[in-house]
Amino acid sequence: MLEHATRILAIRHGETAWNTESRIQGHTDIPLNDTGLWQAARVAQALHGEPLQAVYSSDLQRARATAEAIAQAQRLNLRLETGLRERHFGHLEGLTRDEIALRWPEQTRRWLARDPAFGPDGGETLQAFYDRCVGTLAQLARRHPGECIAVVAHGGVLDCFYRAANRIALDAPRAWKVGNATINRLLYSPEGFTLVGWADDQHLGGSLDESSDGAVRAA
């Protein structure tokens, strides 16, 4: 029943220096830059009228700082969830796609082909990452039937949410935006996730998207 569905506002963190340099962030704990701090304030303002019952966030500081702005505006306590972290990219973190392609062409091929079984050395496979973040979102949604929650995470995480809501295969190319500090709306019911709205950036006047399929701004 729709009246018991959980409304989810899924938000990507604000911009970081590594976003602008197209460097893989993964689990590396990079802070927001000045633009990202401005974006966090803007998204908090945009959500001021939303009847949120909870604000959840990845524990990485770029997501946490964005979520703290939202939680403070809503006078809610922020709840941190490690299951909302970006994909762990292992030894590829800190590098650009061009640097990775030069050093590890075969890994680059499998990465860009979105091979669900591929995981960088020391990192996660795409399938394990998808299962982790979508499973975490489902657990959070089940805590709040009939309520509205905000979930602040990363570009790769939101890509998985979009695929789950639209039943899109992991190895399908990405043709949708995942911009910094954009607002994305989903519903969760026992039947699964449903997409309501995506990539709302009106509060930002447009935003920087991460590159499709390479995830090189990697949340």
C-alpha atoms as a PDB file:
ATOM      1  CA  MET A   1       0.000   0.000   0.000  1.00  0.00           C
ATOM      2  CA  LEU A   2       1.366   3.401  -1.019  1.00  0.00           C
ATOM      3  CA  GLU A   3       0.312   5.006   2.278  1.00  0.00           C
ATOM      4  CA  HIS A   4       2.795   2.702   4.011  1.00  0.00           C
ATOM      5  CA  ALA A   5       5.606   3.297   1.522  1.00  0.00           C
ATOM      6  CA  THR A   6       8.759   5.061   2.677  1.00  0.00           C
ATOM      7  CA  ARG A   7       9.597   8.281   0.841  1.00  0.00           C
ATOM      8  CA  ILE A   8      13.342   8.566   0.275  1.00  0.00           C
ATOM      9  CA  LEU A   9      15.238  11.731  -0.661  1.00  0.00           C
ATOM     10  CA  ALA A  10      18.604  10.446  -1.880  1.00  0.00           C
ATOM     11  CA  ILE A  11      21.293  13.122  -2.135  1.00  0.00           C
ATOM     12  CA  ARG A  12      24.839  12.995  -3.396  1.00  0.00           C
ATOM     13  CA  HIS A  13      27.430  14.859  -1.313  1.00  0.00           C
ATOM     14  CA  GLY A  14      28.689  18.290  -2.344  1.00  0.00           C
ATOM     15  CA  GLU A  15      31.717  18.880  -4.505  1.00  0.00           C
ATOM     16  CA  THR A  16      35.288  18.057  -3.454  1.00  0.00           C
ATOM     17  CA  ALA A  17      38.670  18.982  -4.923  1.00  0.00           C
ATOM     18  CA  TRP A  18      39.025  15.424  -6.219  1.00  0.00           C
ATOM     19  CA  ASN A  19      35.687  15.751  -8.026  1.00  0.00           C
ATOM     20  CA  THR A  20      37.042  18.709  -9.975  1.00  0.00           C
ATOM     21  CA  GLU A  21      40.291  16.805 -10.711  1.00  0.00           C
ATOM     22  CA  SER A  22      38.364  13.646 -11.745  1.00  0.00           C
ATOM     23  CA  ARG A  23      40.187  11.513  -9.181  1.00  0.00           C
ATOM     24  CA  ILE A  24      38.783   8.295  -7.779  1.00  0.00           C
ATOM     25  CA  GLN A  25      37.778   8.877  -4.166  1.00  0.00           C
ATOM     26  CA  GLY A  26      36.195   5.619  -3.059  1.00  0.00           C
ATOM     27  CA  HIS A  27      36.820   5.193   0.683  1.00  0.00           C
ATOM     28  CA  THR A  28      39.480   7.936   0.753  1.00  0.00           C
ATOM     29  CA  ASP A  29      38.112  10.560   3.137  1.00  0.00           C
ATOM     30  CA  ILE A  30      38.208  13.797   1.117  1.00  0.00           C
ATOM     31  CA  PRO A  31      36.500  16.948   2.522  1.00  0.00           C
ATOM     32  CA  LEU A  32      34.117  19.263   0.693  1.00  0.00           C
ATOM     33  CA  ASN A  33      35.669  22.224  -1.084  1.00  0.00           C
ATOM     34  CA  ASP A  34      34.183  25.731  -0.858  1.00  0.00           C
ATOM     35  CA  THR A  35      31.722  24.980  -3.645  1.00  0.00           C
ATOM     36  CA  GLY A  36      30.700  21.779  -1.875  1.00  0.00           C
ATOM     37  CA  LEU A  37      30.040  23.648   1.373  1.00  0.00           C
ATOM     38  CA  TRP A  38      27.876  26.128  -0.530  1.00  0.00           C
ATOM     39  CA  GLN A  39      26.013  23.246  -2.182  1.00  0.00           C
ATOM     40  CA  ALA A  40      25.399  21.603   1.193  1.00  0.00           C
ATOM     41  CA  ALA A  41      23.848  24.819   2.508  1.00  0.00           C
ATOM     42  CA  ARG A  42      21.702  25.133  -0.615  1.00  0.00           C
ATOM     43  CA  VAL A  43      20.358  21.588  -0.506  1.00  0.00           C
ATOM     44  CA  ALA A  44      19.569  21.985   3.212  1.00  0.00           C
ATOM     45  CA  GLN A  45      17.599  25.109   2.381  1.00  0.00           C
ATOM     46  CA  ALA A  46      15.809  23.354  -0.495  1.00  0.00           C
ATOM     47  CA  LEU A  47      14.673  20.548   1.833  1.00  0.00           C
ATOM     48  CA  HIS A  48      13.539  22.902   4.603  1.00  0.00           C
ATOM     49  CA  GLY A  49       9.835  22.224   3.975  1.00  0.00           C
ATOM     50  CA  GLU A  50      10.156  18.438   3.677  1.00  0.00           C
ATOM     51  CA  PRO A  51       8.610  16.467   6.582  1.00  0.00           C
ATOM     52  CA  LEU A  52      11.722  14.424   7.329  1.00  0.00           C
ATOM     53  CA  GLN A  53      11.685  11.913  10.157  1.00  0.00           C
ATOM     54  CA  ALA A  54      15.368  10.962   9.862  1.00  0.00           C
ATOM     55  CA  VAL A  55      18.595  11.909   8.084  1.00  0.00           C
ATOM     56  CA  TYR A  56      21.096   9.134   7.300  1.00  0.00           C
ATOM     57  CA  SER A  57      24.560   9.493   5.802  1.00  0.00           C
ATOM     58  CA  SER A  58      27.696   7.688   4.787  1.00  0.00           C
ATOM     59  CA  ASP A  59      30.318   8.220   7.474  1.00  0.00           C
ATOM     60  CA  LEU A  60      32.835   9.658   4.979  1.00  0.00           C
ATOM     61  CA  GLN A  61      33.248  13.360   5.674  1.00  0.00           C
ATOM     62  CA  ARG A  62      32.155  14.656   2.258  1.00  0.00           C
ATOM     63  CA  ALA A  63      28.751  12.998   2.735  1.00  0.00           C
ATOM     64  CA  ARG A  64      28.626  13.632   6.474  1.00  0.00           C
ATOM     65  CA  ALA A  65      29.190  17.388   6.102  1.00  0.00           C
ATOM     66  CA  THR A  66      26.451  17.602   3.475  1.00  0.00           C
ATOM     67  CA  ALA A  67      24.071  15.613   5.665  1.00  0.00           C
ATOM     68  CA  GLU A  68      24.901  17.648   8.780  1.00  0.00           C
ATOM     69  CA  ALA A  69      23.650  20.787   7.046  1.00  0.00           C
ATOM     70  CA  ILE A  70      20.345  19.030   6.269  1.00  0.00           C
ATOM     71  CA  ALA A  71      19.969  17.537   9.745  1.00  0.00           C
ATOM     72  CA  GLN A  72      20.680  20.850  11.472  1.00  0.00           C
ATOM     73  CA  ALA A  73      18.109  22.660   9.331  1.00  0.00           C
ATOM     74  CA  GLN A  74      15.573  19.962  10.224  1.00  0.00           C
ATOM     75  CA  ARG A  75      16.605  19.869  13.923  1.00  0.00           C
ATOM     76  CA  LEU A  76      17.258  16.140  13.631  1.00  0.00           C
ATOM     77  CA  ASN A  77      20.161  14.015  14.817  1.00  0.00           C
ATOM     78  CA  LEU A  78      22.320  12.710  11.996  1.00  0.00           C
ATOM     79  CA  ARG A  79      22.648   8.917  11.790  1.00  0.00           C
ATOM     80  CA  LEU A  80      25.778   7.496  10.160  1.00  0.00           C
ATOM     81  CA  GLU A  81      25.751   4.257   8.138  1.00  0.00           C
ATOM     82  CA  THR A  82      28.968   2.697   6.820  1.00  0.00           C
ATOM     83  CA  GLY A  83      26.859   0.687   4.372  1.00  0.00           C
ATOM     84  CA  LEU A  84      26.266   3.941   2.448  1.00  0.00           C
ATOM     85  CA  ARG A  85      29.969   4.438   1.683  1.00  0.00           C
ATOM     86  CA  GLU A  86      31.170   4.742  -1.894  1.00  0.00           C
ATOM     87  CA  ARG A  87      32.579   1.653  -3.589  1.00  0.00           C
ATOM     88  CA  HIS A  88      36.045   0.740  -2.330  1.00  0.00           C
ATOM     89  CA  PHE A  89      38.378   1.188  -5.305  1.00  0.00           C
ATOM     90  CA  GLY A  90      41.474  -0.223  -3.608  1.00  0.00           C
ATOM     91  CA  HIS A  91      44.728   0.677  -5.319  1.00  0.00           C
ATOM     92  CA  LEU A  92      42.938   2.862  -7.891  1.00  0.00           C
ATOM     93  CA  GLU A  93      41.942   5.516  -5.363  1.00  0.00           C
ATOM     94  CA  GLY A  94      43.580   8.893  -5.866  1.00  0.00           C
ATOM     95  CA  LEU A  95      44.161   8.300  -9.582  1.00  0.00           C
ATOM     96  CA  THR A  96      42.426   9.633 -12.691  1.00  0.00           C
ATOM     97  CA  ARG A  97      40.963   7.414 -15.393  1.00  0.00           C
ATOM     98  CA  ASP A  98      43.827   8.328 -17.766  1.00  0.00           C
ATOM     99  CA  GLU A  99      46.405   7.336 -15.143  1.00  0.00           C
ATOM    100  CA  ILE A 100      44.622   4.053 -14.503  1.00  0.00           C
ATOM    101  CA  ALA A 101      44.324   3.277 -18.223  1.00  0.00           C
ATOM    102  CA  LEU A 102      48.056   3.851 -18.706  1.00  0.00           C
ATOM    103  CA  ARG A 103      49.091   1.575 -15.835  1.00  0.00           C
ATOM    104  CA  TRP A 104      46.415  -1.136 -15.918  1.00  0.00           C
ATOM    105  CA  PRO A 105      44.703  -1.327 -19.332  1.00  0.00           C
ATOM    106  CA  GLU A 106      42.984  -4.675 -18.656  1.00  0.00           C
ATOM    107  CA  GLN A 107      41.581  -3.491 -15.324  1.00  0.00           C
ATOM    108  CA  THR A 108      40.406  -0.324 -17.055  1.00  0.00           C
ATOM    109  CA  ARG A 109      38.628  -2.366 -19.734  1.00  0.00           C
ATOM    110  CA  ARG A 110      36.746  -4.454 -17.170  1.00  0.00           C
ATOM    111  CA  TRP A 111      35.942  -1.422 -15.037  1.00  0.00           C
ATOM    112  CA  LEU A 112      34.542   0.618 -17.938  1.00  0.00           C
ATOM    113  CA  ALA A 113      32.646  -2.424 -19.225  1.00  0.00           C
ATOM    114  CA  ARG A 114      30.929  -2.535 -15.812  1.00  0.00           C
ATOM    115  CA  ASP A 115      31.884  -6.157 -15.233  1.00  0.00           C
ATOM    116  CA  PRO A 116      29.921  -7.061 -12.063  1.00  0.00           C
ATOM    117  CA  ALA A 117      32.637  -9.531 -11.018  1.00  0.00           C
ATOM    118  CA  PHE A 118      35.502  -7.052 -11.363  1.00  0.00           C
ATOM    119  CA  GLY A 119      37.063  -5.532  -8.257  1.00  0.00           C
ATOM    120  CA  PRO A 120      40.304  -3.523  -8.107  1.00  0.00           C
ATOM    121  CA  ASP A 121      43.081  -4.945  -5.941  1.00  0.00           C
ATOM    122  CA  GLY A 122      42.056  -4.261  -2.352  1.00  0.00           C
ATOM    123  CA  GLY A 123      38.609  -3.053  -3.422  1.00  0.00           C
ATOM    124  CA  GLU A 124      35.045  -4.270  -3.968  1.00  0.00           C
ATOM    125  CA  THR A 125      33.480  -5.967  -6.955  1.00  0.00           C
ATOM    126  CA  LEU A 126      30.665  -4.025  -8.554  1.00  0.00           C
ATOM    127  CA  GLN A 127      28.177  -6.734  -7.543  1.00  0.00           C
ATOM    128  CA  ALA A 128      29.253  -6.721  -3.890  1.00  0.00           C
ATOM    129  CA  PHE A 129      29.063  -2.924  -3.834  1.00  0.00           C
ATOM    130  CA  TYR A 130      25.554  -2.936  -5.326  1.00  0.00           C
ATOM    131  CA  ASP A 131      24.334  -5.552  -2.858  1.00  0.00           C
ATOM    132  CA  ARG A 132      25.796  -3.589   0.061  1.00  0.00           C
ATOM    133  CA  CYS A 133      24.384  -0.154  -0.681  1.00  0.00           C
ATOM    134  CA  VAL A 134      20.964  -1.246  -1.996  1.00  0.00           C
ATOM    135  CA  GLY A 135      20.601  -3.655   0.915  1.00  0.00           C
ATOM    136  CA  THR A 136      21.464  -0.857   3.355  1.00  0.00           C
ATOM    137  CA  LEU A 137      18.889   1.478   1.797  1.00  0.00           C
ATOM    138  CA  ALA A 138      16.198  -1.208   2.047  1.00  0.00           C
ATOM    139  CA  GLN A 139      17.022  -1.755   5.733  1.00  0.00           C
ATOM    140  CA  LEU A 140      16.783   1.980   6.444  1.00  0.00           C
ATOM    141  CA  ALA A 141      13.511   2.312   4.537  1.00  0.00           C
ATOM    142  CA  ARG A 142      11.932  -0.557   6.469  1.00  0.00           C
ATOM    143  CA  ARG A 143      12.530   1.383   9.697  1.00  0.00           C
ATOM    144  CA  HIS A 144      10.272   4.197   8.455  1.00  0.00           C
ATOM    145  CA  PRO A 145       7.074   2.879   6.832  1.00  0.00           C
ATOM    146  CA  GLY A 146       4.817   5.745   5.792  1.00  0.00           C
ATOM    147  CA  GLU A 147       7.513   8.303   6.623  1.00  0.00           C
ATOM    148  CA  CYS A 148      10.046  10.440   4.727  1.00  0.00           C
ATOM    149  CA  ILE A 149      13.816  10.131   5.180  1.00  0.00           C
ATOM    150  CA  ALA A 150      16.886  11.763   3.649  1.00  0.00           C
ATOM    151  CA  VAL A 151      19.868   9.609   2.695  1.00  0.00           C
ATOM    152  CA  VAL A 152      23.159  11.306   1.790  1.00  0.00           C
ATOM    153  CA  ALA A 153      25.713   9.188  -0.026  1.00  0.00           C
ATOM    154  CA  HIS A 154      27.936   9.080  -3.120  1.00  0.00           C
ATOM    155  CA  GLY A 155      27.677   9.045  -6.891  1.00  0.00           C
ATOM    156  CA  GLY A 156      28.234   5.325  -7.271  1.00  0.00           C
ATOM    157  CA  VAL A 157      25.767   4.593  -4.476  1.00  0.00           C
ATOM    158  CA  LEU A 158      23.057   6.706  -6.083  1.00  0.00           C
ATOM    159  CA  ASP A 159      23.730   5.020  -9.421  1.00  0.00           C
ATOM    160  CA  CYS A 160      22.901   1.707  -7.725  1.00  0.00           C
ATOM    161  CA  PHE A 161      19.715   3.172  -6.253  1.00  0.00           C
ATOM    162  CA  TYR A 162      18.621   4.315  -9.713  1.00  0.00           C
ATOM    163  CA  ARG A 163      19.293   0.878 -11.184  1.00  0.00           C
ATOM    164  CA  ALA A 164      17.396  -0.835  -8.370  1.00  0.00           C
ATOM    165  CA  ALA A 165      14.360   1.421  -8.828  1.00  0.00           C
ATOM    166  CA  ASN A 166      14.336   0.985 -12.606  1.00  0.00           C
ATOM    167  CA  ARG A 167      15.397  -2.682 -12.732  1.00  0.00           C
ATOM    168  CA  ILE A 168      18.449  -1.820 -14.865  1.00  0.00           C
ATOM    169  CA  ALA A 169      21.282  -4.344 -15.106  1.00  0.00           C
ATOM    170  CA  LEU A 170      24.606  -3.537 -13.470  1.00  0.00           C
ATOM    171  CA  ASP A 171      26.502  -3.874 -16.751  1.00  0.00           C
ATOM    172  CA  ALA A 172      24.185  -1.502 -18.670  1.00  0.00           C
ATOM    173  CA  PRO A 173      25.802   1.841 -19.599  1.00  0.00           C
ATOM    174  CA  ARG A 174      24.727   4.817 -17.502  1.00  0.00           C
ATOM    175  CA  ALA A 175      22.712   7.485 -19.306  1.00  0.00           C
ATOM    176  CA  TRP A 176      21.437   9.403 -16.242  1.00  0.00           C
ATOM    177  CA  LYS A 177      23.035  12.181 -14.220  1.00  0.00           C
ATOM    178  CA  VAL A 178      24.333  11.891 -10.661  1.00  0.00           C
ATOM    179  CA  GLY A 179      25.293  15.462  -9.827  1.00  0.00           C
ATOM    180  CA  ASN A 180      26.750  16.817  -6.610  1.00  0.00           C
ATOM    181  CA  ALA A 181      24.090  17.844  -4.055  1.00  0.00           C
ATOM    182  CA  THR A 182      21.190  16.982  -6.351  1.00  0.00           C
ATOM    183  CA  ILE A 183      17.902  15.704  -4.913  1.00  0.00           C
ATOM    184  CA  ASN A 184      16.592  12.315  -6.059  1.00  0.00           C
ATOM    185  CA  ARG A 185      13.244  10.897  -4.963  1.00  0.00           C
ATOM    186  CA  LEU A 186      12.285   7.250  -4.510  1.00  0.00           C
ATOM    187  CA  LEU A 187       9.601   5.193  -2.809  1.00  0.00           C
ATOM    188  CA  TYR A 188      10.182   1.921  -0.994  1.00  0.00           C
ATOM    189  CA  SER A 189       7.490  -0.685  -0.396  1.00  0.00           C
ATOM    190  CA  PRO A 190       7.630  -4.467   0.155  1.00  0.00           C
ATOM    191  CA  GLU A 191       7.660  -4.786  -3.648  1.00  0.00           C
ATOM    192  CA  GLY A 192      10.937  -2.842  -3.819  1.00  0.00           C
ATOM    193  CA  PHE A 193      12.041   0.616  -4.958  1.00  0.00           C
ATOM    194  CA  THR A 194      10.205   2.949  -7.345  1.00  0.00           C
ATOM    195  CA  LEU A 195      11.631   6.088  -8.935  1.00  0.00           C
ATOM    196  CA  VAL A 196       9.661   9.297  -8.380  1.00  0.00           C
ATOM    197  CA  GLY A 197      12.079  12.031  -9.524  1.00  0.00           C
ATOM    198  CA  TRP A 198      15.758  12.328 -10.376  1.00  0.00           C
ATOM    199  CA  ALA A 199      18.593  14.863 -10.570  1.00  0.00           C
ATOM    200  CA  ASP A 200      16.721  17.899  -9.231  1.00  0.00           C
ATOM    201  CA  ASP A 201      19.330  20.658  -9.191  1.00  0.00           C
ATOM    202  CA  GLN A 202      17.082  23.723  -9.328  1.00  0.00           C
ATOM    203  CA  HIS A 203      18.436  24.857  -5.960  1.00  0.00           C
ATOM    204  CA  LEU A 204      21.953  24.868  -7.455  1.00  0.00           C
ATOM    205  CA  GLY A 205      21.336  26.380 -10.863  1.00  0.00           C
ATOM    206  CA  GLY A 206      22.912  23.250 -12.429  1.00  0.00           C
ATOM    207  CA  SER A 207      25.663  21.029 -11.000  1.00  0.00           C
ATOM    208  CA  LEU A 208      28.766  19.048 -11.900  1.00  0.00           C
ATOM    209  CA  ASP A 209      27.977  15.447 -12.831  1.00  0.00           C
ATOM    210  CA  GLU A 210      30.422  12.605 -12.513  1.00  0.00           C
ATOM    211  CA  SER A 211      31.440  11.033 -15.818  1.00  0.00           C
ATOM    212  CA  SER A 212      29.205   8.207 -16.974  1.00  0.00           C
ATOM    213  CA  ASP A 213      30.453   4.642 -16.550  1.00  0.00           C
ATOM    214  CA  GLY A 214      33.944   5.663 -15.456  1.00  0.00           C
ATOM    215  CA  ALA A 215      32.671   7.056 -12.148  1.00  0.00           C
ATOM    216  CA  VAL A 216      35.876   9.056 -12.147  1.00  0.00           C
ATOM    217  CA  ARG A 217      34.529  11.706  -9.820  1.00  0.00           C
ATOM    218  CA  ALA A 218      33.620   8.707  -7.755  1.00  0.00           C
ATOM    219  CA  ALA A 219      31.677  10.229  -5.077  1.00  0.00           C
END
